[in-house]
Amino acid sequence: MRVTMPKVSDPDAELRSELVDLGGVELSELAILGDSAFSHALRRVREEADNPPHSVAGFEAVI
């Protein structure tokens, strides 16, 4: 399978997105979101970053 990138007609064109750019925002600053689903997801990401889960994926092939 071959994957190719679509051609851009103007390489200097500004890319637009509906996504919010949180690149310069600290996760701790997002506490102002209150009890939203987004804040719950961010809290989980922070907790997993501080205490990574000890899950291991494995595969056993039996013939």
N, C-alpha and C. Protein backbone atom coordinates (compact mmCIF):
# COMPACT_ATOMS: atom_id res chain seq x y z
N MET A 1 0.84 -1.17 0.00
CA MET A 1 0.00 0.00 0.00
C MET A 1 0.88 1.24 0.00
N ARG A 2 0.61 2.15 -0.89
CA ARG A 2 1.41 3.36 -1.00
C ARG A 2 0.57 4.56 -0.56
N VAL A 3 1.13 5.34 0.32
CA VAL A 3 0.45 6.53 0.81
C VAL A 3 1.15 7.75 0.25
N THR A 4 0.38 8.65 -0.33
CA THR A 4 0.97 9.88 -0.88
C THR A 4 0.26 11.08 -0.28
N MET A 5 0.97 12.15 -0.16
CA MET A 5 0.40 13.40 0.35
C MET A 5 -0.28 14.12 -0.80
N PRO A 6 -1.41 14.75 -0.54
CA PRO A 6 -2.06 15.53 -1.60
C PRO A 6 -1.20 16.72 -1.98
N LYS A 7 -1.27 17.10 -3.23
CA LYS A 7 -0.48 18.24 -3.69
C LYS A 7 -1.16 19.54 -3.27
N VAL A 8 -0.35 20.49 -2.85
CA VAL A 8 -0.85 21.79 -2.44
C VAL A 8 -0.62 22.75 -3.59
N SER A 9 -1.67 23.43 -4.01
CA SER A 9 -1.53 24.33 -5.14
C SER A 9 -0.63 25.52 -4.82
N ASP A 10 -0.70 26.02 -3.61
CA ASP A 10 0.13 27.15 -3.19
C ASP A 10 0.86 26.78 -1.90
N PRO A 11 2.14 26.41 -1.97
CA PRO A 11 2.86 25.97 -0.78
C PRO A 11 2.99 27.05 0.30
N ASP A 12 2.80 28.32 -0.05
CA ASP A 12 2.90 29.41 0.92
C ASP A 12 1.54 29.78 1.51
N ALA A 13 0.50 29.06 1.12
CA ALA A 13 -0.84 29.36 1.62
C ALA A 13 -0.95 29.00 3.10
N GLU A 14 -1.71 29.80 3.82
CA GLU A 14 -1.92 29.55 5.25
C GLU A 14 -2.92 28.41 5.42
N LEU A 15 -2.56 27.44 6.25
CA LEU A 15 -3.48 26.34 6.54
C LEU A 15 -4.45 26.79 7.61
N ARG A 16 -5.73 26.52 7.39
CA ARG A 16 -6.75 26.92 8.36
C ARG A 16 -7.38 25.68 8.97
N SER A 17 -7.76 25.79 10.22
CA SER A 17 -8.35 24.67 10.93
C SER A 17 -9.34 25.18 11.95
N GLU A 18 -10.34 24.35 12.24
CA GLU A 18 -11.30 24.67 13.29
C GLU A 18 -10.78 24.24 14.65
N LEU A 19 -9.65 23.55 14.70
CA LEU A 19 -9.07 23.09 15.96
C LEU A 19 -8.42 24.25 16.69
N VAL A 20 -8.52 24.22 18.00
CA VAL A 20 -7.91 25.26 18.83
C VAL A 20 -6.44 24.92 19.01
N ASP A 21 -5.58 25.92 18.83
CA ASP A 21 -4.14 25.72 19.03
C ASP A 21 -3.81 25.95 20.49
N LEU A 22 -3.52 24.88 21.21
CA LEU A 22 -3.17 24.97 22.63
C LEU A 22 -1.67 24.79 22.84
N GLY A 23 -0.90 25.00 21.80
CA GLY A 23 0.54 24.77 21.86
C GLY A 23 1.26 25.55 22.93
N GLY A 24 0.85 26.76 23.20
CA GLY A 24 1.55 27.58 24.19
C GLY A 24 0.87 27.63 25.54
N VAL A 25 -0.12 26.76 25.75
CA VAL A 25 -0.89 26.78 26.99
C VAL A 25 -0.47 25.61 27.87
N GLU A 26 -0.17 25.89 29.13
CA GLU A 26 0.15 24.84 30.09
C GLU A 26 -1.14 24.12 30.48
N LEU A 27 -1.05 22.81 30.68
CA LEU A 27 -2.24 22.05 31.07
C LEU A 27 -2.83 22.56 32.38
N SER A 28 -1.97 23.00 33.29
CA SER A 28 -2.46 23.49 34.57
C SER A 28 -3.28 24.78 34.41
N GLU A 29 -3.06 25.53 33.35
CA GLU A 29 -3.80 26.76 33.10
C GLU A 29 -5.23 26.48 32.65
N LEU A 30 -5.50 25.26 32.22
CA LEU A 30 -6.82 24.93 31.71
C LEU A 30 -7.80 24.54 32.80
N ALA A 31 -7.43 24.76 34.06
CA ALA A 31 -8.31 24.45 35.18
C ALA A 31 -9.57 25.31 35.16
N ILE A 32 -9.51 26.41 34.45
CA ILE A 32 -10.67 27.31 34.38
C ILE A 32 -11.84 26.69 33.61
N LEU A 33 -11.62 25.54 32.99
CA LEU A 33 -12.68 24.90 32.20
C LEU A 33 -13.78 24.30 33.06
N GLY A 34 -13.52 24.16 34.34
CA GLY A 34 -14.55 23.64 35.24
C GLY A 34 -14.74 22.14 35.10
N ASP A 35 -16.00 21.73 35.00
CA ASP A 35 -16.34 20.31 35.00
C ASP A 35 -16.77 19.82 33.62
N SER A 36 -16.13 20.31 32.57
CA SER A 36 -16.49 19.92 31.21
C SER A 36 -15.85 18.58 30.84
N ALA A 37 -16.35 17.97 29.78
CA ALA A 37 -15.77 16.71 29.30
C ALA A 37 -14.31 16.92 28.89
N PHE A 38 -14.01 18.09 28.32
CA PHE A 38 -12.65 18.40 27.92
C PHE A 38 -11.72 18.47 29.12
N SER A 39 -12.20 19.08 30.21
CA SER A 39 -11.35 19.16 31.40
C SER A 39 -11.12 17.78 32.02
N HIS A 40 -12.12 16.90 31.96
CA HIS A 40 -11.94 15.53 32.45
C HIS A 40 -10.88 14.80 31.62
N ALA A 41 -10.94 14.98 30.30
CA ALA A 41 -9.95 14.34 29.43
C ALA A 41 -8.55 14.86 29.70
N LEU A 42 -8.42 16.16 29.89
CA LEU A 42 -7.11 16.73 30.19
C LEU A 42 -6.59 16.28 31.54
N ARG A 43 -7.49 16.16 32.51
CA ARG A 43 -7.09 15.67 33.84
C ARG A 43 -6.54 14.26 33.73
N ARG A 44 -7.21 13.42 32.93
CA ARG A 44 -6.75 12.05 32.76
C ARG A 44 -5.38 12.01 32.09
N VAL A 45 -5.17 12.87 31.09
CA VAL A 45 -3.87 12.93 30.41
C VAL A 45 -2.77 13.34 31.39
N ARG A 46 -3.06 14.34 32.24
CA ARG A 46 -2.07 14.78 33.23
C ARG A 46 -1.76 13.69 34.24
N GLU A 47 -2.80 12.98 34.71
CA GLU A 47 -2.60 11.91 35.69
C GLU A 47 -1.78 10.77 35.09
N GLU A 48 -2.07 10.41 33.84
CA GLU A 48 -1.31 9.34 33.19
C GLU A 48 0.12 9.76 32.90
N ALA A 49 0.34 11.05 32.66
CA ALA A 49 1.71 11.54 32.43
C ALA A 49 2.52 11.47 33.72
N ASP A 50 1.85 11.78 34.85
CA ASP A 50 2.54 11.74 36.15
C ASP A 50 2.72 10.31 36.65
N ASN A 51 1.77 9.43 36.36
CA ASN A 51 1.80 8.03 36.81
C ASN A 51 1.44 7.12 35.63
N PRO A 52 2.40 6.83 34.77
CA PRO A 52 2.09 6.02 33.59
C PRO A 52 1.52 4.65 33.98
N PRO A 53 0.52 4.19 33.23
CA PRO A 53 -0.04 2.87 33.53
C PRO A 53 0.98 1.77 33.24
N HIS A 54 0.86 0.67 33.94
CA HIS A 54 1.80 -0.44 33.76
C HIS A 54 1.20 -1.50 32.85
N SER A 55 0.56 -1.07 31.81
CA SER A 55 -0.05 -2.03 30.90
C SER A 55 0.99 -2.49 29.87
N VAL A 56 0.87 -3.75 29.52
CA VAL A 56 1.77 -4.35 28.55
C VAL A 56 0.92 -5.07 27.52
N ALA A 57 1.22 -4.82 26.27
CA ALA A 57 0.52 -5.53 25.20
C ALA A 57 1.37 -6.72 24.79
N GLY A 58 0.72 -7.81 24.49
CA GLY A 58 1.46 -9.00 24.09
C GLY A 58 0.70 -9.82 23.09
N PHE A 59 1.41 -10.68 22.44
CA PHE A 59 0.81 -11.56 21.45
C PHE A 59 1.49 -12.91 21.55
N GLU A 60 0.71 -13.96 21.55
CA GLU A 60 1.28 -15.31 21.60
C GLU A 60 0.68 -16.13 20.46
N ALA A 61 1.54 -16.54 19.56
CA ALA A 61 1.08 -17.33 18.43
C ALA A 61 1.24 -18.82 18.76
N VAL A 62 0.16 -19.55 18.58
CA VAL A 62 0.19 -20.99 18.84
C VAL A 62 -0.23 -21.70 17.56
N ILE A 63 0.60 -22.64 17.15
CA ILE A 63 0.27 -23.40 15.94
C ILE A 63 -0.26 -24.76 16.32
